[in-house]
Amino acid sequence: ETVIDQALFDALKYVLTNERSVKIGNTALFNIALNPVLKVWHDARENPACTSVFGQDTCPIPDSSLLEASYNINPDDIILNETTLTIAFAKPNMSIDLGGFGKGYASEIVTDYLDSKGYSYILNAGNSNVKAGGINPNNDDGFYYIVLLEPTFESYSSNYYVTLKIPEKLSIVTSGNYQRYFVGSEDGLYYNHIIDPRTYMPSGDMENATAVSVLFDDGGMADIYSTAVYLMGYTEGLAFVEATEGLEAIWYLPEGSVEYSSGFDTYIYQLTE
């Protein structure tokens, strides 16, 4: 057992409770216990044999034996004790990764404080996580206007494909395959950082968008949803979004087309053709 502070305990309790709501079959598409598999790909990205040309990394892909190995990644084997504020693992060689929801969760803590003070704001927690609060005093309609940039592998793009009008208390979180990736030195394929717990591989099906942005009130859940919906692919992801109250999403597909859920047009100010 490891003693942790109350804030970390609360974060772990939050994610373990909520990540179970996003499953395909018996597999949670967002899983903080996936870290042993994530480490395989992290080590690949940090391999000393990697080379970089114009900012694009080329790295050896992980050995197949690592991807076919058995890992203890069941989140049910994470044991939290609220009395002693401890975390333990029921099986060996387990570890956790909080990166997939941490920004959204932390944003909620910050915005709860800002809301308690009556502030109006746009909180940018690193481009892919944005939350609006209060009534925008600079616009007569009270909305905040933000743009979503065109995702590209080539270089940073300043072009945008949609302008959104965002009311207060709404989070916008984006997941995509175009910023953190490497090219396999053996096959020339792109390997992104979003790992599918069903395959231990980066998402690579053409059904997967280049980017998906979700709108939801809770930033922590928006982070969880964006990863899971991205991994589902467009067709399955759309069905999930439509069935989830309060959740909307927009997909930027590989060929450059854009699709969005039925309620998303409420937030569209202008869609660039």
C-alpha atoms as a PDB file:
ATOM      1  CA  GLU A   1       0.000   0.000   0.000  1.00  0.00           C
ATOM      2  CA  THR A   2       1.069   3.545  -0.740  1.00  0.00           C
ATOM      3  CA  VAL A   3      -0.241   6.526   1.209  1.00  0.00           C
ATOM      4  CA  ILE A   4      -1.385   9.394  -1.029  1.00  0.00           C
ATOM      5  CA  ASP A   5      -2.802  12.816  -0.300  1.00  0.00           C
ATOM      6  CA  GLN A   6      -6.505  13.604  -0.346  1.00  0.00           C
ATOM      7  CA  ALA A   7      -6.426  15.486  -3.660  1.00  0.00           C
ATOM      8  CA  LEU A   8      -4.819  12.571  -5.516  1.00  0.00           C
ATOM      9  CA  PHE A   9      -7.139  10.095  -3.814  1.00  0.00           C
ATOM     10  CA  ASP A  10     -10.156  12.120  -4.927  1.00  0.00           C
ATOM     11  CA  ALA A  11      -8.845  12.203  -8.509  1.00  0.00           C
ATOM     12  CA  LEU A  12      -8.317   8.434  -8.555  1.00  0.00           C
ATOM     13  CA  LYS A  13     -11.741   7.792  -7.072  1.00  0.00           C
ATOM     14  CA  TYR A  14     -13.286  10.090  -9.686  1.00  0.00           C
ATOM     15  CA  VAL A  15     -11.662   8.437 -12.682  1.00  0.00           C
ATOM     16  CA  LEU A  16     -12.175   4.865 -11.492  1.00  0.00           C
ATOM     17  CA  THR A  17     -15.859   5.597 -10.959  1.00  0.00           C
ATOM     18  CA  ASN A  18     -16.388   7.335 -14.286  1.00  0.00           C
ATOM     19  CA  GLU A  19     -14.156   5.465 -16.723  1.00  0.00           C
ATOM     20  CA  ARG A  20     -16.324   2.368 -16.340  1.00  0.00           C
ATOM     21  CA  SER A  21     -19.118   4.183 -18.173  1.00  0.00           C
ATOM     22  CA  VAL A  22     -17.276   3.947 -21.494  1.00  0.00           C
ATOM     23  CA  LYS A  23     -16.961   0.326 -22.539  1.00  0.00           C
ATOM     24  CA  ILE A  24     -17.004  -1.768 -25.685  1.00  0.00           C
ATOM     25  CA  GLY A  25     -18.046  -5.214 -24.563  1.00  0.00           C
ATOM     26  CA  ASN A  26     -16.123  -5.773 -21.347  1.00  0.00           C
ATOM     27  CA  THR A  27     -13.235  -3.474 -22.249  1.00  0.00           C
ATOM     28  CA  ALA A  28     -13.025   0.061 -20.876  1.00  0.00           C
ATOM     29  CA  LEU A  29     -11.743   2.301 -23.682  1.00  0.00           C
ATOM     30  CA  PHE A  30     -10.351   4.691 -21.084  1.00  0.00           C
ATOM     31  CA  ASN A  31      -8.262   2.869 -18.505  1.00  0.00           C
ATOM     32  CA  ILE A  32      -5.746   4.402 -16.101  1.00  0.00           C
ATOM     33  CA  ALA A  33      -4.342   0.917 -15.440  1.00  0.00           C
ATOM     34  CA  LEU A  34      -3.150   0.649 -19.063  1.00  0.00           C
ATOM     35  CA  ASN A  35       0.211   2.183 -18.127  1.00  0.00           C
ATOM     36  CA  PRO A  36       2.295  -1.023 -18.601  1.00  0.00           C
ATOM     37  CA  VAL A  37       1.193  -1.046 -22.254  1.00  0.00           C
ATOM     38  CA  LEU A  38       1.617   2.713 -22.627  1.00  0.00           C
ATOM     39  CA  LYS A  39       5.176   2.323 -21.360  1.00  0.00           C
ATOM     40  CA  VAL A  40       5.971  -0.006 -24.282  1.00  0.00           C
ATOM     41  CA  TRP A  41       5.064   2.774 -26.709  1.00  0.00           C
ATOM     42  CA  HIS A  42       6.665   5.483 -24.588  1.00  0.00           C
ATOM     43  CA  ASP A  43       9.933   3.565 -24.626  1.00  0.00           C
ATOM     44  CA  ALA A  44       9.607   3.218 -28.403  1.00  0.00           C
ATOM     45  CA  ARG A  45       9.233   7.001 -28.795  1.00  0.00           C
ATOM     46  CA  GLU A  46      12.231   7.562 -26.520  1.00  0.00           C
ATOM     47  CA  ASN A  47      14.414   4.888 -28.134  1.00  0.00           C
ATOM     48  CA  PRO A  48      18.003   6.167 -28.645  1.00  0.00           C
ATOM     49  CA  ALA A  49      17.786   4.757 -32.179  1.00  0.00           C
ATOM     50  CA  CYS A  50      15.100   7.296 -33.098  1.00  0.00           C
ATOM     51  CA  THR A  51      16.037   9.931 -35.635  1.00  0.00           C
ATOM     52  CA  SER A  52      14.391  13.294 -36.238  1.00  0.00           C
ATOM     53  CA  VAL A  53      14.125  15.198 -39.506  1.00  0.00           C
ATOM     54  CA  PHE A  54      12.260  18.523 -39.622  1.00  0.00           C
ATOM     55  CA  GLY A  55      10.581  17.679 -36.334  1.00  0.00           C
ATOM     56  CA  GLN A  56       9.293  14.265 -37.441  1.00  0.00           C
ATOM     57  CA  ASP A  57      10.605  11.327 -35.424  1.00  0.00           C
ATOM     58  CA  THR A  58      11.344   7.955 -36.984  1.00  0.00           C
ATOM     59  CA  CYS A  59      11.680   5.117 -34.470  1.00  0.00           C
ATOM     60  CA  PRO A  60      11.891   1.309 -34.368  1.00  0.00           C
ATOM     61  CA  ILE A  61       8.460  -0.125 -33.587  1.00  0.00           C
ATOM     62  CA  PRO A  62       8.118  -2.253 -30.428  1.00  0.00           C
ATOM     63  CA  ASP A  63       8.990  -5.937 -30.714  1.00  0.00           C
ATOM     64  CA  SER A  64       5.903  -8.071 -31.350  1.00  0.00           C
ATOM     65  CA  SER A  65       6.629 -10.107 -28.219  1.00  0.00           C
ATOM     66  CA  LEU A  66       6.009  -6.998 -26.108  1.00  0.00           C
ATOM     67  CA  LEU A  67       2.668  -6.370 -27.791  1.00  0.00           C
ATOM     68  CA  GLU A  68       1.582  -9.988 -27.462  1.00  0.00           C
ATOM     69  CA  ALA A  69       2.534 -10.259 -23.794  1.00  0.00           C
ATOM     70  CA  SER A  70       0.015 -10.448 -20.986  1.00  0.00           C
ATOM     71  CA  TYR A  71      -0.292  -7.385 -18.770  1.00  0.00           C
ATOM     72  CA  ASN A  72      -2.213  -6.794 -15.559  1.00  0.00           C
ATOM     73  CA  ILE A  73      -4.318  -3.825 -16.637  1.00  0.00           C
ATOM     74  CA  ASN A  74      -7.699  -4.484 -15.038  1.00  0.00           C
ATOM     75  CA  PRO A  75      -8.757  -1.290 -13.205  1.00  0.00           C
ATOM     76  CA  ASP A  76     -10.797  -3.447 -10.833  1.00  0.00           C
ATOM     77  CA  ASP A  77      -7.440  -4.567  -9.401  1.00  0.00           C
ATOM     78  CA  ILE A  78      -6.719  -1.039  -8.173  1.00  0.00           C
ATOM     79  CA  ILE A  79      -7.539  -0.945  -4.462  1.00  0.00           C
ATOM     80  CA  LEU A  80      -8.364   2.394  -2.854  1.00  0.00           C
ATOM     81  CA  ASN A  81      -8.848   2.678   0.897  1.00  0.00           C
ATOM     82  CA  GLU A  82     -10.626   5.877   1.845  1.00  0.00           C
ATOM     83  CA  THR A  83      -9.983   5.411   5.568  1.00  0.00           C
ATOM     84  CA  THR A  84      -6.202   5.164   5.251  1.00  0.00           C
ATOM     85  CA  LEU A  85      -5.894   7.192   2.017  1.00  0.00           C
ATOM     86  CA  THR A  86      -3.909   4.415   0.346  1.00  0.00           C
ATOM     87  CA  ILE A  87      -3.662   2.831  -3.067  1.00  0.00           C
ATOM     88  CA  ALA A  88      -2.608  -0.764  -3.690  1.00  0.00           C
ATOM     89  CA  PHE A  89      -2.657  -3.241  -6.551  1.00  0.00           C
ATOM     90  CA  ALA A  90      -4.155  -6.715  -6.358  1.00  0.00           C
ATOM     91  CA  LYS A  91      -1.751  -8.085  -8.990  1.00  0.00           C
ATOM     92  CA  PRO A  92       1.966  -7.610  -9.694  1.00  0.00           C
ATOM     93  CA  ASN A  93       3.569  -5.193 -12.147  1.00  0.00           C
ATOM     94  CA  MET A  94       0.604  -2.843 -12.249  1.00  0.00           C
ATOM     95  CA  SER A  95       0.908   0.923 -12.630  1.00  0.00           C
ATOM     96  CA  ILE A  96      -1.317   3.831 -13.539  1.00  0.00           C
ATOM     97  CA  ASP A  97      -1.247   6.788 -15.899  1.00  0.00           C
ATOM     98  CA  LEU A  98      -3.356   9.887 -15.227  1.00  0.00           C
ATOM     99  CA  GLY A  99      -2.390  11.880 -18.308  1.00  0.00           C
ATOM    100  CA  GLY A 100      -5.534  11.064 -20.243  1.00  0.00           C
ATOM    101  CA  PHE A 101      -7.897  12.857 -17.879  1.00  0.00           C
ATOM    102  CA  GLY A 102      -5.634  14.987 -15.681  1.00  0.00           C
ATOM    103  CA  LYS A 103      -5.966  18.279 -17.564  1.00  0.00           C
ATOM    104  CA  GLY A 104      -9.734  18.080 -17.729  1.00  0.00           C
ATOM    105  CA  TYR A 105     -10.028  17.121 -14.073  1.00  0.00           C
ATOM    106  CA  ALA A 106      -7.664  19.886 -12.956  1.00  0.00           C
ATOM    107  CA  SER A 107      -9.579  22.356 -15.115  1.00  0.00           C
ATOM    108  CA  GLU A 108     -12.726  21.583 -13.146  1.00  0.00           C
ATOM    109  CA  ILE A 109     -10.971  22.370  -9.868  1.00  0.00           C
ATOM    110  CA  VAL A 110      -9.748  25.704 -11.258  1.00  0.00           C
ATOM    111  CA  THR A 111     -13.064  26.650 -12.854  1.00  0.00           C
ATOM    112  CA  ASP A 112     -15.061  25.716  -9.749  1.00  0.00           C
ATOM    113  CA  TYR A 113     -12.950  28.293  -7.899  1.00  0.00           C
ATOM    114  CA  LEU A 114     -13.387  30.901 -10.645  1.00  0.00           C
ATOM    115  CA  ASP A 115     -17.137  30.268 -10.668  1.00  0.00           C
ATOM    116  CA  SER A 116     -17.288  30.736  -6.893  1.00  0.00           C
ATOM    117  CA  LYS A 117     -15.759  34.199  -7.389  1.00  0.00           C
ATOM    118  CA  GLY A 118     -18.204  35.107 -10.149  1.00  0.00           C
ATOM    119  CA  TYR A 119     -15.553  35.524 -12.842  1.00  0.00           C
ATOM    120  CA  SER A 120     -16.105  35.281 -16.595  1.00  0.00           C
ATOM    121  CA  TYR A 121     -13.313  33.444 -18.364  1.00  0.00           C
ATOM    122  CA  ILE A 122     -11.961  31.113 -21.023  1.00  0.00           C
ATOM    123  CA  LEU A 123      -9.556  28.615 -19.463  1.00  0.00           C
ATOM    124  CA  ASN A 124      -7.045  27.105 -21.880  1.00  0.00           C
ATOM    125  CA  ALA A 125      -5.406  24.064 -20.286  1.00  0.00           C
ATOM    126  CA  GLY A 126      -3.135  23.371 -23.237  1.00  0.00           C
ATOM    127  CA  ASN A 127      -4.975  23.845 -26.571  1.00  0.00           C
ATOM    128  CA  SER A 128      -6.769  20.512 -26.455  1.00  0.00           C
ATOM    129  CA  ASN A 129      -8.681  21.404 -23.266  1.00  0.00           C
ATOM    130  CA  VAL A 130     -10.742  24.576 -23.064  1.00  0.00           C
ATOM    131  CA  LYS A 131     -13.556  25.584 -20.718  1.00  0.00           C
ATOM    132  CA  ALA A 132     -15.801  28.648 -20.701  1.00  0.00           C
ATOM    133  CA  GLY A 133     -17.315  30.219 -17.612  1.00  0.00           C
ATOM    134  CA  GLY A 134     -19.623  33.095 -16.868  1.00  0.00           C
ATOM    135  CA  ILE A 135     -21.179  35.424 -19.407  1.00  0.00           C
ATOM    136  CA  ASN A 136     -18.731  36.877 -21.923  1.00  0.00           C
ATOM    137  CA  PRO A 137     -18.868  40.638 -21.275  1.00  0.00           C
ATOM    138  CA  ASN A 138     -17.264  41.401 -24.639  1.00  0.00           C
ATOM    139  CA  ASN A 139     -20.106  39.979 -26.731  1.00  0.00           C
ATOM    140  CA  ASP A 140     -23.720  41.064 -26.653  1.00  0.00           C
ATOM    141  CA  ASP A 141     -24.895  37.432 -26.842  1.00  0.00           C
ATOM    142  CA  GLY A 142     -22.711  36.395 -23.891  1.00  0.00           C
ATOM    143  CA  PHE A 143     -21.069  33.568 -25.852  1.00  0.00           C
ATOM    144  CA  TYR A 144     -17.373  32.811 -26.225  1.00  0.00           C
ATOM    145  CA  TYR A 145     -16.137  32.260 -29.776  1.00  0.00           C
ATOM    146  CA  ILE A 146     -13.320  29.797 -30.434  1.00  0.00           C
ATOM    147  CA  VAL A 147     -11.963  28.080 -33.530  1.00  0.00           C
ATOM    148  CA  LEU A 148     -10.867  24.487 -34.071  1.00  0.00           C
ATOM    149  CA  LEU A 149      -7.662  24.271 -36.107  1.00  0.00           C
ATOM    150  CA  GLU A 150      -7.284  21.914 -39.037  1.00  0.00           C
ATOM    151  CA  PRO A 151      -5.290  18.900 -37.807  1.00  0.00           C
ATOM    152  CA  THR A 152      -2.239  18.203 -39.939  1.00  0.00           C
ATOM    153  CA  PHE A 153       0.809  15.940 -39.786  1.00  0.00           C
ATOM    154  CA  GLU A 154       2.971  18.259 -41.843  1.00  0.00           C
ATOM    155  CA  SER A 155       3.405  21.272 -39.572  1.00  0.00           C
ATOM    156  CA  TYR A 156       1.485  23.463 -37.190  1.00  0.00           C
ATOM    157  CA  SER A 157      -1.553  24.861 -38.980  1.00  0.00           C
ATOM    158  CA  SER A 158      -3.151  28.232 -38.349  1.00  0.00           C
ATOM    159  CA  ASN A 159      -6.093  27.332 -40.596  1.00  0.00           C
ATOM    160  CA  TYR A 160      -9.344  26.532 -38.860  1.00  0.00           C
ATOM    161  CA  TYR A 161     -12.345  24.533 -40.038  1.00  0.00           C
ATOM    162  CA  VAL A 162     -15.069  25.663 -37.660  1.00  0.00           C
ATOM    163  CA  THR A 163     -15.868  28.596 -35.392  1.00  0.00           C
ATOM    164  CA  LEU A 164     -17.842  27.672 -32.286  1.00  0.00           C
ATOM    165  CA  LYS A 165     -20.060  29.813 -30.086  1.00  0.00           C
ATOM    166  CA  ILE A 166     -19.681  28.437 -26.583  1.00  0.00           C
ATOM    167  CA  PRO A 167     -21.932  29.230 -23.613  1.00  0.00           C
ATOM    168  CA  GLU A 168     -20.773  29.217 -20.014  1.00  0.00           C
ATOM    169  CA  LYS A 169     -20.000  25.975 -18.154  1.00  0.00           C
ATOM    170  CA  LEU A 170     -19.034  24.022 -21.269  1.00  0.00           C
ATOM    171  CA  SER A 171     -15.754  22.159 -21.876  1.00  0.00           C
ATOM    172  CA  ILE A 172     -14.233  21.448 -25.289  1.00  0.00           C
ATOM    173  CA  VAL A 173     -11.669  18.646 -25.421  1.00  0.00           C
ATOM    174  CA  THR A 174      -9.887  17.332 -28.514  1.00  0.00           C
ATOM    175  CA  SER A 175      -8.167  13.995 -29.104  1.00  0.00           C
ATOM    176  CA  GLY A 176      -6.231  13.286 -32.282  1.00  0.00           C
ATOM    177  CA  ASN A 177      -3.416  11.369 -33.925  1.00  0.00           C
ATOM    178  CA  TYR A 178      -1.565  14.261 -35.551  1.00  0.00           C
ATOM    179  CA  GLN A 179       0.584  15.865 -32.830  1.00  0.00           C
ATOM    180  CA  ARG A 180       2.219  13.074 -30.827  1.00  0.00           C
ATOM    181  CA  TYR A 181       3.385  10.269 -33.084  1.00  0.00           C
ATOM    182  CA  PHE A 182       6.390   8.680 -34.722  1.00  0.00           C
ATOM    183  CA  VAL A 183       7.007   6.984 -38.043  1.00  0.00           C
ATOM    184  CA  GLY A 184       8.006   3.323 -37.877  1.00  0.00           C
ATOM    185  CA  SER A 185      11.505   2.868 -39.273  1.00  0.00           C
ATOM    186  CA  GLU A 186      10.591  -0.643 -40.449  1.00  0.00           C
ATOM    187  CA  ASP A 187       7.320   0.127 -42.249  1.00  0.00           C
ATOM    188  CA  GLY A 188       6.950   3.897 -42.681  1.00  0.00           C
ATOM    189  CA  LEU A 189       3.584   3.876 -40.869  1.00  0.00           C
ATOM    190  CA  TYR A 190       2.438   6.530 -38.425  1.00  0.00           C
ATOM    191  CA  TYR A 191       2.107   5.426 -34.790  1.00  0.00           C
ATOM    192  CA  ASN A 192       0.224   7.886 -32.598  1.00  0.00           C
ATOM    193  CA  HIS A 193       0.033   8.107 -28.806  1.00  0.00           C
ATOM    194  CA  ILE A 194      -3.618   7.003 -28.368  1.00  0.00           C
ATOM    195  CA  ILE A 195      -3.342   3.301 -27.557  1.00  0.00           C
ATOM    196  CA  ASP A 196      -6.344   1.002 -27.953  1.00  0.00           C
ATOM    197  CA  PRO A 197      -6.655  -1.265 -24.887  1.00  0.00           C
ATOM    198  CA  ARG A 198      -8.301  -3.916 -27.078  1.00  0.00           C
ATOM    199  CA  THR A 199      -5.273  -4.310 -29.351  1.00  0.00           C
ATOM    200  CA  TYR A 200      -2.358  -2.656 -27.472  1.00  0.00           C
ATOM    201  CA  MET A 201      -1.799  -0.756 -30.704  1.00  0.00           C
ATOM    202  CA  PRO A 202      -2.220   2.901 -31.651  1.00  0.00           C
ATOM    203  CA  SER A 203      -5.536   3.558 -33.317  1.00  0.00           C
ATOM    204  CA  GLY A 204      -4.989   3.299 -37.044  1.00  0.00           C
ATOM    205  CA  ASP A 205      -8.257   2.348 -38.725  1.00  0.00           C
ATOM    206  CA  MET A 206      -9.496   4.852 -41.325  1.00  0.00           C
ATOM    207  CA  GLU A 207     -12.727   4.957 -39.319  1.00  0.00           C
ATOM    208  CA  ASN A 208     -10.698   6.860 -36.755  1.00  0.00           C
ATOM    209  CA  ALA A 209     -10.781  10.591 -37.302  1.00  0.00           C
ATOM    210  CA  THR A 210      -7.662  12.702 -37.503  1.00  0.00           C
ATOM    211  CA  ALA A 211      -9.248  14.560 -34.596  1.00  0.00           C
ATOM    212  CA  VAL A 212     -12.442  14.469 -32.579  1.00  0.00           C
ATOM    213  CA  SER A 213     -13.595  17.292 -30.313  1.00  0.00           C
ATOM    214  CA  VAL A 214     -16.259  16.716 -27.689  1.00  0.00           C
ATOM    215  CA  LEU A 215     -18.435  19.190 -25.811  1.00  0.00           C
ATOM    216  CA  PHE A 216     -19.536  18.355 -22.286  1.00  0.00           C
ATOM    217  CA  ASP A 217     -20.063  20.281 -19.082  1.00  0.00           C
ATOM    218  CA  ASP A 218     -17.603  18.336 -16.905  1.00  0.00           C
ATOM    219  CA  GLY A 219     -14.010  18.723 -18.117  1.00  0.00           C
ATOM    220  CA  GLY A 220     -12.791  15.493 -16.530  1.00  0.00           C
ATOM    221  CA  MET A 221     -15.497  13.476 -18.241  1.00  0.00           C
ATOM    222  CA  ALA A 222     -14.921  15.372 -21.490  1.00  0.00           C
ATOM    223  CA  ASP A 223     -11.292  14.178 -21.376  1.00  0.00           C
ATOM    224  CA  ILE A 224     -12.429  10.585 -20.830  1.00  0.00           C
ATOM    225  CA  TYR A 225     -15.092  10.824 -23.532  1.00  0.00           C
ATOM    226  CA  SER A 226     -12.760  12.341 -26.127  1.00  0.00           C
ATOM    227  CA  THR A 227     -10.293   9.448 -25.855  1.00  0.00           C
ATOM    228  CA  ALA A 228     -12.991   6.786 -25.859  1.00  0.00           C
ATOM    229  CA  VAL A 229     -15.008   8.311 -28.711  1.00  0.00           C
ATOM    230  CA  TYR A 230     -11.834   8.694 -30.763  1.00  0.00           C
ATOM    231  CA  LEU A 231     -11.003   5.003 -30.294  1.00  0.00           C
ATOM    232  CA  MET A 232     -14.526   3.933 -31.254  1.00  0.00           C
ATOM    233  CA  GLY A 233     -14.177   5.322 -34.762  1.00  0.00           C
ATOM    234  CA  TYR A 234     -16.718   7.619 -36.364  1.00  0.00           C
ATOM    235  CA  THR A 235     -19.684   5.264 -36.823  1.00  0.00           C
ATOM    236  CA  GLU A 236     -19.611   3.681 -33.380  1.00  0.00           C
ATOM    237  CA  GLY A 237     -18.544   6.926 -31.770  1.00  0.00           C
ATOM    238  CA  LEU A 238     -21.476   8.815 -33.268  1.00  0.00           C
ATOM    239  CA  ALA A 239     -23.922   6.227 -31.928  1.00  0.00           C
ATOM    240  CA  PHE A 240     -22.356   6.523 -28.475  1.00  0.00           C
ATOM    241  CA  VAL A 241     -22.477  10.320 -28.487  1.00  0.00           C
ATOM    242  CA  GLU A 242     -26.107  10.365 -29.608  1.00  0.00           C
ATOM    243  CA  ALA A 243     -27.003   8.009 -26.755  1.00  0.00           C
ATOM    244  CA  THR A 244     -25.168  10.025 -24.076  1.00  0.00           C
ATOM    245  CA  GLU A 245     -27.087  12.932 -22.582  1.00  0.00           C
ATOM    246  CA  GLY A 246     -25.297  16.261 -22.760  1.00  0.00           C
ATOM    247  CA  LEU A 247     -22.486  14.993 -25.011  1.00  0.00           C
ATOM    248  CA  GLU A 248     -21.817  16.380 -28.499  1.00  0.00           C
ATOM    249  CA  ALA A 249     -18.882  15.818 -30.839  1.00  0.00           C
ATOM    250  CA  ILE A 250     -17.355  16.834 -34.166  1.00  0.00           C
ATOM    251  CA  TRP A 251     -15.050  14.611 -36.233  1.00  0.00           C
ATOM    252  CA  TYR A 252     -12.377  15.774 -38.665  1.00  0.00           C
ATOM    253  CA  LEU A 253     -11.991  12.711 -40.888  1.00  0.00           C
ATOM    254  CA  PRO A 254      -8.789  11.650 -42.700  1.00  0.00           C
ATOM    255  CA  GLU A 255      -9.898  12.875 -46.142  1.00  0.00           C
ATOM    256  CA  GLY A 256     -10.712  16.310 -44.730  1.00  0.00           C
ATOM    257  CA  SER A 257     -14.481  15.974 -44.395  1.00  0.00           C
ATOM    258  CA  VAL A 258     -16.257  16.987 -41.201  1.00  0.00           C
ATOM    259  CA  GLU A 259     -19.113  15.208 -39.436  1.00  0.00           C
ATOM    260  CA  TYR A 260     -20.847  16.064 -36.185  1.00  0.00           C
ATOM    261  CA  SER A 261     -23.553  14.833 -33.850  1.00  0.00           C
ATOM    262  CA  SER A 262     -27.153  15.951 -34.176  1.00  0.00           C
ATOM    263  CA  GLY A 263     -27.002  18.538 -31.391  1.00  0.00           C
ATOM    264  CA  PHE A 264     -23.609  19.966 -32.289  1.00  0.00           C
ATOM    265  CA  ASP A 265     -24.939  22.502 -34.802  1.00  0.00           C
ATOM    266  CA  THR A 266     -26.291  24.495 -31.852  1.00  0.00           C
ATOM    267  CA  TYR A 267     -22.700  25.517 -31.170  1.00  0.00           C
ATOM    268  CA  ILE A 268     -21.569  26.175 -34.744  1.00  0.00           C
ATOM    269  CA  TYR A 269     -21.150  29.827 -35.679  1.00  0.00           C
ATOM    270  CA  GLN A 270     -19.410  29.155 -38.985  1.00  0.00           C
ATOM    271  CA  LEU A 271     -18.260  25.973 -40.687  1.00  0.00           C
ATOM    272  CA  THR A 272     -15.471  26.585 -43.217  1.00  0.00           C
ATOM    273  CA  GLU A 273     -16.066  24.858 -46.547  1.00  0.00           C
END
